[in-house]
N, C-alpha and C. Protein backbone atom coordinates (compact mmCIF):
# COMPACT_ATOMS: atom_id res chain seq x y z
N MET A 1 0.91 -1.43 0.00
CA MET A 1 -0.22 0.11 0.21
C MET A 1 0.56 1.19 0.02
N SER A 2 0.88 2.89 -1.22
CA SER A 2 1.76 3.38 -1.08
C SER A 2 0.79 4.26 0.09
N ALA A 3 2.06 5.47 0.15
CA ALA A 3 1.10 6.43 1.43
C ALA A 3 -0.20 7.24 0.80
N ASN A 4 -0.03 7.20 -0.52
CA ASN A 4 -1.06 7.33 -0.47
C ASN A 4 -2.56 7.17 -0.38
N GLU A 5 -2.45 5.46 -0.57
CA GLU A 5 -3.87 4.94 -0.19
C GLU A 5 -3.92 4.89 1.45
N ARG A 6 -2.85 4.64 1.56
CA ARG A 6 -2.55 5.15 3.56
C ARG A 6 -3.38 5.96 3.65
N ARG A 7 -3.25 7.00 3.39
CA ARG A 7 -4.16 8.20 3.92
C ARG A 7 -5.20 8.59 3.65
N ALA A 8 -5.75 7.54 1.99
CA ALA A 8 -6.92 7.75 1.77
C ALA A 8 -7.78 6.51 2.52
N GLU A 9 -7.19 5.54 3.31
CA GLU A 9 -7.69 4.62 3.71
C GLU A 9 -8.00 5.17 5.16
N ILE A 10 -7.01 6.18 5.71
CA ILE A 10 -7.17 6.86 7.44
C ILE A 10 -8.25 7.89 7.04
N ILE A 11 -8.78 8.54 6.12
CA ILE A 11 -9.69 9.37 5.79
C ILE A 11 -10.90 8.32 6.25
N LYS A 12 -10.46 7.33 5.15
CA LYS A 12 -12.75 6.49 5.28
C LYS A 12 -12.60 6.31 6.89
N ILE A 13 -11.72 5.60 7.38
CA ILE A 13 -11.29 4.94 8.58
C ILE A 13 -12.78 6.31 8.99
N LEU A 14 -11.93 6.92 9.28
CA LEU A 14 -11.83 8.60 10.02
C LEU A 14 -13.74 8.93 10.06
N THR A 15 -14.67 8.82 8.48
CA THR A 15 -14.99 9.11 7.53
C THR A 15 -16.78 8.24 8.66
N GLY A 16 -15.74 6.87 8.42
CA GLY A 16 -17.11 6.04 8.52
C GLY A 16 -16.69 5.80 10.88
N ARG A 17 -15.78 5.94 11.18
CA ARG A 17 -15.58 5.11 13.01
C ARG A 17 -16.02 6.77 13.77
N HIS A 18 -15.22 7.72 13.01
CA HIS A 18 -15.89 9.34 13.23
C HIS A 18 -14.29 9.95 14.62
N LYS A 19 -13.78 8.92 14.91
CA LYS A 19 -12.77 9.28 16.02
C LYS A 19 -11.92 7.50 16.40
N GLU A 20 -10.18 7.91 16.29
CA GLU A 20 -10.21 6.44 16.42
C GLU A 20 -8.77 6.53 16.91
N GLN A 21 -7.92 5.60 17.60
CA GLN A 21 -7.07 5.71 18.34
C GLN A 21 -5.54 5.93 17.08
N VAL A 22 -4.61 7.02 17.80
CA VAL A 22 -3.74 6.45 16.73
C VAL A 22 -2.70 4.86 16.12
N LYS A 23 -2.61 4.17 17.86
CA LYS A 23 -2.15 2.84 17.50
C LYS A 23 -2.86 2.41 16.84
N ASN A 24 -4.40 2.30 16.85
CA ASN A 24 -5.43 0.97 16.19
C ASN A 24 -5.55 1.57 14.52
N LEU A 25 -5.15 2.61 13.98
CA LEU A 25 -4.79 2.87 12.77
C LEU A 25 -3.23 2.26 12.73
N ALA A 26 -2.53 2.85 13.20
CA ALA A 26 -1.16 1.81 12.86
C ALA A 26 -1.04 0.23 12.73
N PHE A 27 -2.38 -0.15 14.01
CA PHE A 27 -2.01 -1.63 13.95
C PHE A 27 -3.40 -2.10 12.86
N GLN A 28 -4.29 -1.53 11.96
CA GLN A 28 -5.30 -2.48 11.50
C GLN A 28 -4.91 -2.14 9.49
N LEU A 29 -3.26 -0.70 9.96
CA LEU A 29 -2.71 -0.40 8.71
C LEU A 29 -1.72 -1.11 8.36
N GLY A 30 -0.76 -1.44 9.57
CA GLY A 30 -0.05 -2.57 9.37
C GLY A 30 1.56 -1.38 9.31
N VAL A 31 1.51 -0.09 10.38
CA VAL A 31 2.45 0.88 10.02
C VAL A 31 2.71 0.98 11.59
N SER A 32 3.76 1.79 11.78
CA SER A 32 4.31 2.44 12.53
C SER A 32 4.04 3.60 13.17
N ILE A 33 3.54 3.63 14.29
CA ILE A 33 2.72 4.42 15.02
C ILE A 33 3.00 5.94 14.48
N ARG A 34 4.51 6.35 14.54
CA ARG A 34 5.83 7.30 13.42
C ARG A 34 4.57 7.49 12.17
N THR A 35 4.45 6.75 11.25
CA THR A 35 4.37 7.03 10.36
C THR A 35 2.64 7.76 10.21
N ILE A 36 2.22 6.69 11.31
CA ILE A 36 0.40 7.72 11.43
C ILE A 36 0.52 9.25 11.61
N LYS A 37 1.08 9.51 12.98
CA LYS A 37 1.71 10.58 13.29
C LYS A 37 1.96 11.99 12.01
N ASN A 38 2.89 11.19 11.20
CA ASN A 38 3.09 11.91 10.34
C ASN A 38 2.45 12.04 8.49
N ASP A 39 1.38 10.57 8.79
CA ASP A 39 -0.02 10.91 7.56
C ASP A 39 -0.34 11.91 8.46
N ILE A 40 -1.14 12.36 9.25
CA ILE A 40 -2.50 12.78 9.96
C ILE A 40 -1.74 14.11 9.84
N LEU A 41 -0.49 14.24 10.20
CA LEU A 41 0.62 15.81 9.74
C LEU A 41 0.18 16.76 8.48
N ILE A 42 0.79 15.25 7.49
CA ILE A 42 -0.15 15.40 6.31
C ILE A 42 -1.30 15.66 6.24
N LEU A 43 -1.57 14.64 6.77
CA LEU A 43 -3.45 14.78 6.10
C LEU A 43 -3.90 16.34 6.30
N THR A 44 -3.87 17.11 7.76
CA THR A 44 -4.36 17.99 8.39
C THR A 44 -4.50 19.02 6.74
N SER A 45 -3.74 18.90 6.50
CA SER A 45 -3.18 20.13 5.44
C SER A 45 -4.72 20.17 3.73
N GLU A 46 -4.85 19.21 3.68
CA GLU A 46 -5.96 19.32 3.01
C GLU A 46 -7.78 18.70 4.05
N TYR A 47 -7.41 18.23 5.20
CA TYR A 47 -8.48 17.61 6.16
C TYR A 47 -8.67 18.53 7.47
N PRO A 48 -9.73 18.63 7.30
CA PRO A 48 -10.14 19.31 8.87
C PRO A 48 -9.47 18.39 9.89
N ILE A 49 -8.86 17.59 10.59
CA ILE A 49 -8.38 17.09 11.28
C ILE A 49 -7.60 17.02 12.64
N GLU A 50 -8.73 16.84 13.48
CA GLU A 50 -8.44 17.18 15.15
C GLU A 50 -8.06 15.99 15.86
N THR A 51 -6.72 16.49 16.18
CA THR A 51 -6.17 15.15 17.59
C THR A 51 -6.89 15.80 18.99
N ILE A 52 -7.74 14.68 19.76
CA ILE A 52 -7.10 15.10 21.47
C ILE A 52 -6.33 13.69 21.99
N GLN A 53 -5.90 14.54 22.40
CA GLN A 53 -5.02 14.06 23.37
C GLN A 53 -5.60 13.99 25.12
N GLY A 54 -5.08 12.88 26.48
CA GLY A 54 -5.70 12.31 27.10
C GLY A 54 -6.47 11.23 27.31
N ARG A 55 -6.86 10.95 28.18
CA ARG A 55 -7.79 9.24 28.07
C ARG A 55 -9.17 9.64 27.13
N GLY A 56 -9.28 8.81 26.53
CA GLY A 56 -10.07 8.81 25.27
C GLY A 56 -9.89 9.90 24.44
N GLY A 57 -8.65 9.91 24.15
CA GLY A 57 -8.69 11.02 23.01
C GLY A 57 -8.18 10.02 21.91
N GLY A 58 -7.62 10.62 20.99
CA GLY A 58 -7.55 10.34 20.23
C GLY A 58 -7.67 10.85 18.19
N VAL A 59 -7.96 10.55 16.78
CA VAL A 59 -7.87 11.69 15.64
C VAL A 59 -9.16 11.11 15.16
N ARG A 60 -9.61 12.49 14.87
CA ARG A 60 -10.65 12.06 13.97
C ARG A 60 -11.73 13.70 13.30
N LEU A 61 -12.69 13.51 12.87
CA LEU A 61 -12.51 14.61 11.38
C LEU A 61 -13.17 15.67 12.09
N MET A 62 -13.83 16.56 12.16
CA MET A 62 -13.85 17.91 12.67
C MET A 62 -15.54 17.76 12.83
N LYS A 63 -16.21 18.18 13.93
CA LYS A 63 -17.92 18.07 13.57
C LYS A 63 -18.23 18.65 12.61
N GLY A 64 -19.47 17.90 11.80
CA GLY A 64 -19.86 18.84 10.66
C GLY A 64 -18.94 18.64 9.40
N TYR A 65 -17.56 17.75 9.22
CA TYR A 65 -17.33 17.95 8.03
C TYR A 65 -17.48 16.50 7.22
N ASN A 66 -17.97 16.67 6.29
CA ASN A 66 -19.18 15.65 5.21
C ASN A 66 -17.99 15.08 4.47
N THR A 67 -17.64 13.83 4.29
CA THR A 67 -17.06 13.29 2.89
C THR A 67 -17.36 12.21 1.60
N TYR A 68 -18.87 12.68 2.83
CA TYR A 68 -19.67 11.06 2.15
C TYR A 68 -20.12 11.64 0.45
N ARG A 69 -20.56 10.45 -0.52
CA ARG A 69 -21.38 10.80 -1.96
C ARG A 69 -21.71 9.95 -2.00
N ASN A 70 -23.14 10.13 -2.28
CA ASN A 70 -24.36 9.44 -2.27
C ASN A 70 -24.60 9.04 -3.65
N ASP A 71 -23.26 8.16 -3.52
CA ASP A 71 -22.97 7.43 -5.31
C ASP A 71 -23.91 6.28 -5.71
N ILE A 72 -24.34 5.98 -4.74
CA ILE A 72 -25.01 4.40 -4.76
C ILE A 72 -27.12 4.54 -4.89
N THR A 73 -27.30 3.61 -5.23
CA THR A 73 -28.92 3.61 -5.25
C THR A 73 -30.08 3.90 -4.80
N GLN A 74 -30.92 4.34 -4.84
CA GLN A 74 -31.81 3.57 -3.39
C GLN A 74 -31.75 2.42 -3.33
N GLN A 75 -32.07 2.07 -4.15
CA GLN A 75 -32.10 -0.40 -4.37
C GLN A 75 -31.16 -0.16 -3.71
N GLN A 76 -29.77 -0.37 -4.03
CA GLN A 76 -28.28 -0.38 -3.50
C GLN A 76 -28.45 0.35 -1.74
N GLN A 77 -29.07 0.85 -1.58
CA GLN A 77 -29.30 1.16 -0.63
C GLN A 77 -30.44 -0.05 0.15
N ASN A 78 -31.53 -0.53 -0.16
CA ASN A 78 -31.96 -1.23 0.24
C ASN A 78 -31.68 -2.14 1.05
N LEU A 79 -31.23 -2.00 -0.28
CA LEU A 79 -30.64 -3.93 0.12
C LEU A 79 -29.01 -4.34 1.03
N LEU A 80 -27.89 -3.50 0.96
CA LEU A 80 -27.88 -2.88 2.04
C LEU A 80 -27.98 -3.51 3.31
N MET A 81 -29.05 -2.07 3.57
CA MET A 81 -30.11 -2.53 5.05
C MET A 81 -30.37 -3.40 5.16
N SER A 82 -31.24 -4.66 4.42
CA SER A 82 -31.40 -5.66 4.90
C SER A 82 -30.89 -6.21 5.03
N LEU A 83 -29.42 -5.73 4.88
CA LEU A 83 -28.27 -7.35 4.65
C LEU A 83 -28.02 -7.26 5.98
N ILE A 84 -27.82 -6.56 6.55
CA ILE A 84 -27.55 -5.83 8.03
C ILE A 84 -27.99 -6.38 8.99
N PRO A 85 -29.43 -7.11 9.41
CA PRO A 85 -29.42 -7.57 10.98
C PRO A 85 -28.98 -9.44 10.92
N LYS A 86 -29.00 -10.03 9.30
CA LYS A 86 -28.37 -10.72 8.86
C LYS A 86 -26.78 -11.79 8.88
N VAL A 87 -26.17 -10.37 9.19
CA VAL A 87 -24.72 -10.82 9.90
C VAL A 87 -24.40 -10.98 10.61
N ASP A 88 -22.92 -11.19 10.81
CA ASP A 88 -22.46 -10.75 12.28
C ASP A 88 -22.15 -8.84 12.34
N LYS A 89 -21.80 -8.91 13.85
CA LYS A 89 -21.66 -7.61 14.28
C LYS A 89 -20.20 -6.90 13.50
N GLN A 90 -19.64 -7.49 13.38
CA GLN A 90 -18.03 -6.88 12.33
C GLN A 90 -18.44 -6.63 11.43
N ASN A 91 -19.43 -6.87 10.31
CA ASN A 91 -19.89 -7.15 8.68
C ASN A 91 -20.64 -5.90 8.75
N ALA A 92 -21.73 -6.24 10.10
CA ALA A 92 -22.57 -5.30 10.05
C ALA A 92 -21.95 -4.02 10.37
N ASN A 93 -21.17 -3.55 10.80
CA ASN A 93 -20.42 -1.86 10.93
C ASN A 93 -19.90 -2.01 9.50
N LEU A 94 -19.75 -3.02 9.26
CA LEU A 94 -19.17 -2.39 7.69
C LEU A 94 -20.05 -2.27 6.21
N LEU A 95 -20.51 -2.88 6.50
CA LEU A 95 -21.66 -2.05 5.94
C LEU A 95 -22.41 -0.91 6.25
N LYS A 96 -22.50 -0.43 7.28
CA LYS A 96 -22.88 0.52 7.62
C LYS A 96 -21.98 1.54 7.15
N GLU A 97 -20.72 1.65 7.37
CA GLU A 97 -19.95 1.66 7.28
C GLU A 97 -19.98 2.81 5.43
N LEU A 98 -20.23 1.38 4.70
CA LEU A 98 -20.36 1.81 3.26
C LEU A 98 -21.57 2.70 3.11
N LEU A 99 -23.08 2.47 3.95
CA LEU A 99 -23.96 3.41 3.74
C LEU A 99 -23.43 5.02 3.71
N VAL A 100 -23.20 4.70 5.19
CA VAL A 100 -22.71 6.42 5.25
C VAL A 100 -22.00 6.89 4.77
N ALA A 101 -20.99 6.18 4.03
CA ALA A 101 -19.67 7.13 2.66
C ALA A 101 -20.66 7.20 1.60
N HIS A 102 -21.77 6.33 1.65
CA HIS A 102 -22.75 6.47 0.20
C HIS A 102 -23.63 6.24 -0.74
N GLY A 103 -24.36 6.56 0.89
CA GLY A 103 -26.07 6.85 0.54
C GLY A 103 -26.47 8.36 0.77
N SER A 104 -28.00 8.08 1.15
CA SER A 104 -28.24 9.50 1.23
C SER A 104 -28.01 10.44 2.55
N VAL A 105 -28.35 11.51 2.12
CA VAL A 105 -27.70 11.88 3.26
C VAL A 105 -29.31 12.10 5.07
N ARG A 106 -30.49 11.32 4.73
CA ARG A 106 -31.84 11.35 5.37
C ARG A 106 -31.04 9.63 6.15
N LEU A 107 -30.28 8.31 4.87
CA LEU A 107 -29.92 7.72 5.76
C LEU A 107 -28.77 7.72 6.45
N LYS A 108 -28.29 8.33 6.30
CA LYS A 108 -26.42 8.63 6.76
C LYS A 108 -27.34 9.28 8.17
N THR A 109 -28.24 9.85 8.41
CA THR A 109 -28.07 10.39 10.04
C THR A 109 -28.92 9.06 10.76
N ALA A 110 -29.71 8.68 9.90
CA ALA A 110 -30.11 8.01 11.13
C ALA A 110 -29.41 7.23 11.15
N LEU A 111 -28.38 6.08 10.16
CA LEU A 111 -27.14 5.81 11.42
C LEU A 111 -26.43 6.07 11.69
N GLU A 112 -26.08 7.46 12.06
CA GLU A 112 -24.83 7.85 12.82
C GLU A 112 -26.24 7.77 13.96
N GLY A 113 -27.40 8.36 14.42
CA GLY A 113 -28.03 8.32 15.46
C GLY A 113 -28.02 7.29 16.32
N GLY A 114 -28.09 5.90 14.98
CA GLY A 114 -28.87 4.86 15.69
C GLY A 114 -27.99 4.04 16.35
């Protein structure tokens, strides 16, 4: 995975999870904590990323920043929604991340609130 691909993945993760710890990002992407910190520093020039210090801290996109693309059809959204109760928790979370990133504003709001 190139540095640009890794940075795009960091943004994707932050979009789906809203907040994540640097050590978890490093583990998930198979790089060092230092590499993730450097990536975050570079990404802050393009995205509104903030870091939170202390207990419960981490990295997140600023509230109100919207990276989703409404690029799946209503039929595709309905299919993904129907699959959520039929899969395990990890896959359900992945489906929700897809819907939040690519679905309608109304659906995004419902999933984030629920």
